Amino acid sequence: MNSYFDKPLPQRSSKPVILAVDGTPDNLTVLNELLSGTYHVKVANGGARALQIAARQPLPVLILLNIMMPEMD
């Protein structure tokens, strides 16, 4: 009998997820290079895109963002 409980659990990333949000591509590159050894780094170059990424699994454990963003602060 197949039930919900017979399904395997989804695999989890071994690294916690951090979301970096900045309108300057160079800043995102630096953050990614500094943090990617320890964390799975997701990046967004705007507020709207950051909200989309932040709502997806696996959820970020930390969001680093520039508070002065074009279009959405």
C-alpha atoms as a PDB file:
ATOM      1  CA  MET A   1       0.000   0.000   0.000  1.00  0.00           C
ATOM      2  CA  ASN A   2       1.487   3.351  -1.036  1.00  0.00           C
ATOM      3  CA  SER A   3       0.950   6.126   1.407  1.00  0.00           C
ATOM      4  CA  TYR A   4       2.419   9.510   2.126  1.00  0.00           C
ATOM      5  CA  PHE A   5       4.678   7.949   4.755  1.00  0.00           C
ATOM      6  CA  ASP A   6       6.177   5.442   2.294  1.00  0.00           C
ATOM      7  CA  LYS A   7       7.714   8.213   0.180  1.00  0.00           C
ATOM      8  CA  PRO A   8      11.384   8.990   0.725  1.00  0.00           C
ATOM      9  CA  LEU A   9      12.217  12.299   2.338  1.00  0.00           C
ATOM     10  CA  PRO A  10      13.616  14.952  -0.011  1.00  0.00           C
ATOM     11  CA  GLN A  11      17.366  15.268   0.156  1.00  0.00           C
ATOM     12  CA  ARG A  12      18.601  18.294   2.051  1.00  0.00           C
ATOM     13  CA  SER A  13      21.603  20.292   1.059  1.00  0.00           C
ATOM     14  CA  SER A  14      24.520  19.722   3.363  1.00  0.00           C
ATOM     15  CA  LYS A  15      25.127  23.487   3.447  1.00  0.00           C
ATOM     16  CA  PRO A  16      22.772  26.095   4.914  1.00  0.00           C
ATOM     17  CA  VAL A  17      21.347  28.534   2.366  1.00  0.00           C
ATOM     18  CA  ILE A  18      22.122  32.248   2.430  1.00  0.00           C
ATOM     19  CA  LEU A  19      20.398  34.728   0.138  1.00  0.00           C
ATOM     20  CA  ALA A  20      22.506  37.743  -0.894  1.00  0.00           C
ATOM     21  CA  VAL A  21      20.615  40.713  -2.341  1.00  0.00           C
ATOM     22  CA  ASP A  22      22.378  43.674  -3.939  1.00  0.00           C
ATOM     23  CA  GLY A  23      21.973  45.813  -7.034  1.00  0.00           C
ATOM     24  CA  THR A  24      25.712  45.757  -7.722  1.00  0.00           C
ATOM     25  CA  PRO A  25      26.882  42.562  -9.458  1.00  0.00           C
ATOM     26  CA  ASP A  26      30.426  42.923  -8.105  1.00  0.00           C
ATOM     27  CA  ASN A  27      29.109  42.854  -4.526  1.00  0.00           C
ATOM     28  CA  LEU A  28      27.170  39.658  -5.241  1.00  0.00           C
ATOM     29  CA  THR A  29      30.289  38.086  -6.735  1.00  0.00           C
ATOM     30  CA  VAL A  30      32.390  38.956  -3.680  1.00  0.00           C
ATOM     31  CA  LEU A  31      29.758  37.631  -1.261  1.00  0.00           C
ATOM     32  CA  ASN A  32      29.430  34.424  -3.251  1.00  0.00           C
ATOM     33  CA  GLU A  33      33.192  33.895  -3.309  1.00  0.00           C
ATOM     34  CA  LEU A  34      33.539  34.569   0.427  1.00  0.00           C
ATOM     35  CA  LEU A  35      30.624  32.441   1.594  1.00  0.00           C
ATOM     36  CA  SER A  36      30.319  29.572  -0.895  1.00  0.00           C
ATOM     37  CA  GLY A  37      32.793  27.362   0.968  1.00  0.00           C
ATOM     38  CA  THR A  38      30.495  27.155   3.989  1.00  0.00           C
ATOM     39  CA  TYR A  39      27.072  28.075   2.591  1.00  0.00           C
ATOM     40  CA  HIS A  40      24.955  27.496  -0.473  1.00  0.00           C
ATOM     41  CA  VAL A  41      24.661  31.100  -1.687  1.00  0.00           C
ATOM     42  CA  LYS A  42      21.668  32.262  -3.703  1.00  0.00           C
ATOM     43  CA  VAL A  43      21.804  35.749  -5.188  1.00  0.00           C
ATOM     44  CA  ALA A  44      19.263  38.329  -6.318  1.00  0.00           C
ATOM     45  CA  ASN A  45      19.865  41.727  -7.899  1.00  0.00           C
ATOM     46  CA  GLY A  46      16.559  43.258  -6.839  1.00  0.00           C
ATOM     47  CA  GLY A  47      13.879  43.175  -4.165  1.00  0.00           C
ATOM     48  CA  ALA A  48      11.173  41.482  -6.223  1.00  0.00           C
ATOM     49  CA  ARG A  49      13.515  38.670  -7.275  1.00  0.00           C
ATOM     50  CA  ALA A  50      14.736  38.305  -3.687  1.00  0.00           C
ATOM     51  CA  LEU A  51      11.173  37.771  -2.462  1.00  0.00           C
ATOM     52  CA  GLN A  52      10.664  35.021  -5.061  1.00  0.00           C
ATOM     53  CA  ILE A  53      13.877  33.242  -4.099  1.00  0.00           C
ATOM     54  CA  ALA A  54      13.257  33.652  -0.359  1.00  0.00           C
ATOM     55  CA  ALA A  55       9.921  31.844  -0.662  1.00  0.00           C
ATOM     56  CA  ARG A  56      11.419  28.734  -2.290  1.00  0.00           C
ATOM     57  CA  GLN A  57      12.671  25.612  -0.562  1.00  0.00           C
ATOM     58  CA  PRO A  58      15.157  25.267   0.895  1.00  0.00           C
ATOM     59  CA  LEU A  59      14.483  28.499   2.751  1.00  0.00           C
ATOM     60  CA  PRO A  60      17.481  30.713   3.472  1.00  0.00           C
ATOM     61  CA  VAL A  61      18.736  30.763   7.048  1.00  0.00           C
ATOM     62  CA  LEU A  62      20.024  34.297   6.512  1.00  0.00           C
ATOM     63  CA  ILE A  63      19.311  37.109   4.047  1.00  0.00           C
ATOM     64  CA  LEU A  64      22.046  39.674   3.470  1.00  0.00           C
ATOM     65  CA  LEU A  65      20.744  42.741   1.692  1.00  0.00           C
ATOM     66  CA  ASN A  66      21.509  46.278   0.733  1.00  0.00           C
ATOM     67  CA  ILE A  67      18.743  48.445   2.156  1.00  0.00           C
ATOM     68  CA  MET A  68      19.080  51.009  -0.663  1.00  0.00           C
ATOM     69  CA  MET A  69      17.862  49.100  -3.713  1.00  0.00           C
ATOM     70  CA  PRO A  70      16.489  50.343  -7.030  1.00  0.00           C
ATOM     71  CA  GLU A  71      12.731  49.817  -7.424  1.00  0.00           C
ATOM     72  CA  MET A  72      12.153  48.320  -3.963  1.00  0.00           C
ATOM     73  CA  ASP A  73      13.847  49.131  -0.638  1.00  0.00           C
END
